[in-house]
Amino acid sequence: MSQIDEENNAYWSANVRLIKISLVIWALVSFGFGIVFRPLLSGIPVGGTDLGFWFAQQGSIIVFLVLIFFYAWRMNKLDQQFGVDEE
């Protein structure tokens, strides 16, 4: 295998790992906290409602937006690391 192929594999491996981590966080927050774990979170008050409802209505959206900005920031760092960034 050539040096370029190894660098490409390392770049895409890091990219896919970042995507998988982001998707797991997104699924845990939106589906897990908003639906599955909602009964466990119902006793914690947040803004006049319980934490499970808050995650279902607003928390998952906020976490999704944070994940978008985190992914863009981390991918820029990854691009710089592998020398494929935009100048």
N, C-alpha and C. Protein backbone atom coordinates (compact mmCIF):
# COMPACT_ATOMS: atom_id res chain seq x y z
N MET A 1 0.83 -1.18 0.00
CA MET A 1 0.00 0.00 0.00
C MET A 1 0.88 1.25 0.00
N SER A 2 0.50 2.22 -0.76
CA SER A 2 1.33 3.42 -0.85
C SER A 2 1.04 4.37 0.32
N GLN A 3 1.90 5.34 0.47
CA GLN A 3 1.78 6.33 1.55
C GLN A 3 0.48 7.12 1.40
N ILE A 4 0.11 7.46 0.17
CA ILE A 4 -1.11 8.23 -0.07
C ILE A 4 -2.35 7.42 0.31
N ASP A 5 -2.35 6.14 -0.03
CA ASP A 5 -3.48 5.29 0.34
C ASP A 5 -3.63 5.18 1.86
N GLU A 6 -2.51 5.07 2.55
CA GLU A 6 -2.56 4.98 4.01
C GLU A 6 -3.08 6.27 4.62
N GLU A 7 -2.67 7.41 4.08
CA GLU A 7 -3.16 8.70 4.59
C GLU A 7 -4.65 8.86 4.29
N ASN A 8 -5.07 8.43 3.10
CA ASN A 8 -6.50 8.50 2.77
C ASN A 8 -7.32 7.63 3.71
N ASN A 9 -6.84 6.42 3.97
CA ASN A 9 -7.56 5.52 4.88
C ASN A 9 -7.63 6.10 6.30
N ALA A 10 -6.53 6.70 6.76
CA ALA A 10 -6.52 7.30 8.09
C ALA A 10 -7.48 8.49 8.16
N TYR A 11 -7.50 9.30 7.11
CA TYR A 11 -8.40 10.46 7.06
C TYR A 11 -9.85 10.01 7.10
N TRP A 12 -10.21 9.06 6.26
CA TRP A 12 -11.60 8.62 6.20
C TRP A 12 -11.99 7.82 7.43
N SER A 13 -11.05 7.12 8.03
CA SER A 13 -11.34 6.42 9.27
C SER A 13 -11.67 7.41 10.39
N ALA A 14 -10.90 8.49 10.47
CA ALA A 14 -11.17 9.52 11.47
C ALA A 14 -12.50 10.22 11.19
N ASN A 15 -12.79 10.46 9.91
CA ASN A 15 -14.05 11.10 9.52
C ASN A 15 -15.24 10.23 9.90
N VAL A 16 -15.18 8.96 9.56
CA VAL A 16 -16.30 8.04 9.87
C VAL A 16 -16.46 7.87 11.37
N ARG A 17 -15.35 7.84 12.11
CA ARG A 17 -15.43 7.73 13.57
C ARG A 17 -16.14 8.96 14.16
N LEU A 18 -15.82 10.14 13.65
CA LEU A 18 -16.47 11.37 14.11
C LEU A 18 -17.96 11.35 13.79
N ILE A 19 -18.31 10.87 12.62
CA ILE A 19 -19.73 10.78 12.24
C ILE A 19 -20.46 9.80 13.15
N LYS A 20 -19.86 8.66 13.41
CA LYS A 20 -20.50 7.66 14.28
C LYS A 20 -20.71 8.20 15.69
N ILE A 21 -19.72 8.86 16.24
CA ILE A 21 -19.86 9.44 17.58
C ILE A 21 -20.97 10.48 17.60
N SER A 22 -21.01 11.33 16.58
CA SER A 22 -22.05 12.36 16.50
C SER A 22 -23.44 11.73 16.39
N LEU A 23 -23.57 10.69 15.60
CA LEU A 23 -24.87 10.04 15.46
C LEU A 23 -25.31 9.34 16.74
N VAL A 24 -24.38 8.76 17.47
CA VAL A 24 -24.73 8.12 18.74
C VAL A 24 -25.21 9.16 19.75
N ILE A 25 -24.51 10.29 19.83
CA ILE A 25 -24.94 11.36 20.73
C ILE A 25 -26.31 11.87 20.33
N TRP A 26 -26.52 12.10 19.05
CA TRP A 26 -27.80 12.60 18.56
C TRP A 26 -28.93 11.61 18.86
N ALA A 27 -28.71 10.33 18.63
CA ALA A 27 -29.74 9.32 18.89
C ALA A 27 -30.02 9.20 20.39
N LEU A 28 -28.98 9.24 21.20
CA LEU A 28 -29.16 9.14 22.65
C LEU A 28 -29.99 10.31 23.17
N VAL A 29 -29.68 11.50 22.71
CA VAL A 29 -30.39 12.68 23.20
C VAL A 29 -31.82 12.73 22.66
N SER A 30 -31.99 12.55 21.36
CA SER A 30 -33.33 12.71 20.78
C SER A 30 -34.24 11.53 21.09
N PHE A 31 -33.77 10.32 20.86
CA PHE A 31 -34.61 9.15 21.08
C PHE A 31 -34.53 8.67 22.52
N GLY A 32 -33.32 8.62 23.06
CA GLY A 32 -33.13 8.10 24.41
C GLY A 32 -33.73 8.98 25.48
N PHE A 33 -33.25 10.23 25.56
CA PHE A 33 -33.72 11.12 26.61
C PHE A 33 -35.15 11.59 26.37
N GLY A 34 -35.53 11.77 25.12
CA GLY A 34 -36.86 12.28 24.82
C GLY A 34 -37.96 11.24 24.87
N ILE A 35 -37.63 9.96 24.65
CA ILE A 35 -38.67 8.93 24.58
C ILE A 35 -38.41 7.80 25.57
N VAL A 36 -37.28 7.13 25.45
CA VAL A 36 -37.02 5.92 26.24
C VAL A 36 -36.84 6.24 27.72
N PHE A 37 -35.99 7.22 28.03
CA PHE A 37 -35.69 7.54 29.42
C PHE A 37 -36.57 8.65 29.99
N ARG A 38 -37.60 9.04 29.26
CA ARG A 38 -38.46 10.13 29.72
C ARG A 38 -39.09 9.85 31.08
N PRO A 39 -39.59 8.65 31.36
CA PRO A 39 -40.15 8.42 32.70
C PRO A 39 -39.12 8.60 33.82
N LEU A 40 -37.87 8.28 33.56
CA LEU A 40 -36.83 8.46 34.57
C LEU A 40 -36.51 9.93 34.80
N LEU A 41 -36.69 10.75 33.77
CA LEU A 41 -36.35 12.17 33.84
C LEU A 41 -37.55 13.04 34.23
N SER A 42 -38.71 12.43 34.44
CA SER A 42 -39.92 13.22 34.67
C SER A 42 -39.92 13.96 36.00
N GLY A 43 -39.12 13.55 36.96
CA GLY A 43 -39.11 14.21 38.25
C GLY A 43 -38.17 15.40 38.34
N ILE A 44 -37.42 15.68 37.29
CA ILE A 44 -36.45 16.78 37.30
C ILE A 44 -37.07 17.99 36.60
N PRO A 45 -37.38 19.05 37.34
CA PRO A 45 -38.03 20.21 36.71
C PRO A 45 -37.04 21.10 35.95
N VAL A 46 -37.45 21.52 34.76
CA VAL A 46 -36.67 22.44 33.94
C VAL A 46 -37.65 23.39 33.26
N GLY A 47 -37.55 24.67 33.57
CA GLY A 47 -38.37 25.68 32.90
C GLY A 47 -39.87 25.43 32.98
N GLY A 48 -40.38 24.93 34.08
CA GLY A 48 -41.80 24.72 34.24
C GLY A 48 -42.30 23.37 33.72
N THR A 49 -41.42 22.55 33.24
CA THR A 49 -41.80 21.22 32.76
C THR A 49 -40.74 20.21 33.22
N ASP A 50 -40.92 18.96 32.90
CA ASP A 50 -39.92 17.97 33.30
C ASP A 50 -38.81 17.85 32.25
N LEU A 51 -37.69 17.30 32.67
CA LEU A 51 -36.51 17.23 31.82
C LEU A 51 -36.72 16.36 30.58
N GLY A 52 -37.48 15.28 30.70
CA GLY A 52 -37.74 14.42 29.54
C GLY A 52 -38.51 15.15 28.45
N PHE A 53 -39.53 15.91 28.85
CA PHE A 53 -40.30 16.69 27.88
C PHE A 53 -39.43 17.78 27.26
N TRP A 54 -38.58 18.41 28.09
CA TRP A 54 -37.70 19.45 27.57
C TRP A 54 -36.76 18.89 26.51
N PHE A 55 -36.18 17.71 26.76
CA PHE A 55 -35.30 17.09 25.76
C PHE A 55 -36.07 16.77 24.49
N ALA A 56 -37.29 16.30 24.62
CA ALA A 56 -38.09 15.94 23.45
C ALA A 56 -38.43 17.18 22.62
N GLN A 57 -38.66 18.30 23.27
CA GLN A 57 -39.11 19.49 22.56
C GLN A 57 -37.99 20.44 22.16
N GLN A 58 -37.03 20.68 23.05
CA GLN A 58 -36.01 21.67 22.75
C GLN A 58 -34.59 21.15 22.90
N GLY A 59 -34.38 20.31 23.87
CA GLY A 59 -33.02 19.84 24.14
C GLY A 59 -32.39 19.13 22.98
N SER A 60 -33.17 18.30 22.30
CA SER A 60 -32.59 17.56 21.16
C SER A 60 -32.25 18.50 20.01
N ILE A 61 -33.03 19.56 19.84
CA ILE A 61 -32.73 20.53 18.78
C ILE A 61 -31.45 21.29 19.09
N ILE A 62 -31.32 21.70 20.35
CA ILE A 62 -30.11 22.43 20.76
C ILE A 62 -28.88 21.53 20.63
N VAL A 63 -28.99 20.30 21.07
CA VAL A 63 -27.85 19.37 20.95
C VAL A 63 -27.52 19.13 19.48
N PHE A 64 -28.54 19.01 18.63
CA PHE A 64 -28.30 18.81 17.20
C PHE A 64 -27.54 20.00 16.61
N LEU A 65 -27.92 21.21 16.96
CA LEU A 65 -27.22 22.40 16.46
C LEU A 65 -25.78 22.44 16.97
N VAL A 66 -25.57 22.10 18.24
CA VAL A 66 -24.22 22.06 18.79
C VAL A 66 -23.39 21.01 18.05
N LEU A 67 -23.99 19.85 17.74
CA LEU A 67 -23.27 18.81 17.01
C LEU A 67 -22.87 19.28 15.61
N ILE A 68 -23.72 20.05 14.96
CA ILE A 68 -23.39 20.57 13.63
C ILE A 68 -22.15 21.45 13.69
N PHE A 69 -22.14 22.38 14.64
CA PHE A 69 -20.99 23.28 14.77
C PHE A 69 -19.74 22.53 15.23
N PHE A 70 -19.90 21.56 16.13
CA PHE A 70 -18.76 20.75 16.57
C PHE A 70 -18.19 19.96 15.40
N TYR A 71 -19.06 19.35 14.59
CA TYR A 71 -18.59 18.56 13.45
C TYR A 71 -17.82 19.44 12.46
N ALA A 72 -18.36 20.63 12.18
CA ALA A 72 -17.67 21.53 11.24
C ALA A 72 -16.32 21.95 11.79
N TRP A 73 -16.26 22.30 13.08
CA TRP A 73 -14.99 22.70 13.70
C TRP A 73 -13.99 21.56 13.68
N ARG A 74 -14.45 20.36 14.07
CA ARG A 74 -13.55 19.20 14.14
C ARG A 74 -13.07 18.77 12.75
N MET A 75 -13.94 18.84 11.77
CA MET A 75 -13.54 18.48 10.40
C MET A 75 -12.53 19.47 9.85
N ASN A 76 -12.65 20.75 10.19
CA ASN A 76 -11.64 21.72 9.76
C ASN A 76 -10.29 21.38 10.35
N LYS A 77 -10.27 20.99 11.64
CA LYS A 77 -9.02 20.58 12.28
C LYS A 77 -8.46 19.31 11.63
N LEU A 78 -9.35 18.38 11.32
CA LEU A 78 -8.93 17.13 10.68
C LEU A 78 -8.38 17.41 9.28
N ASP A 79 -9.04 18.29 8.54
CA ASP A 79 -8.55 18.65 7.21
C ASP A 79 -7.17 19.28 7.28
N GLN A 80 -6.95 20.15 8.27
CA GLN A 80 -5.63 20.76 8.44
C GLN A 80 -4.58 19.72 8.79
N GLN A 81 -4.96 18.78 9.63
CA GLN A 81 -4.04 17.73 10.06
C GLN A 81 -3.56 16.89 8.88
N PHE A 82 -4.47 16.61 7.93
CA PHE A 82 -4.13 15.76 6.79
C PHE A 82 -3.77 16.58 5.54
N GLY A 83 -3.74 17.91 5.65
CA GLY A 83 -3.31 18.74 4.55
C GLY A 83 -4.30 18.85 3.40
N VAL A 84 -5.58 18.71 3.70
CA VAL A 84 -6.60 18.84 2.65
C VAL A 84 -7.54 20.00 2.93
N ASP A 85 -7.07 20.95 3.74
CA ASP A 85 -7.92 22.08 4.09
C ASP A 85 -7.97 23.10 2.97
N GLU A 86 -8.98 23.95 3.04
CA GLU A 86 -9.12 25.03 2.07
C GLU A 86 -8.29 26.21 2.54
N GLU A 87 -7.65 26.84 1.60
CA GLU A 87 -6.80 27.98 2.00
C GLU A 87 -7.42 29.27 1.62
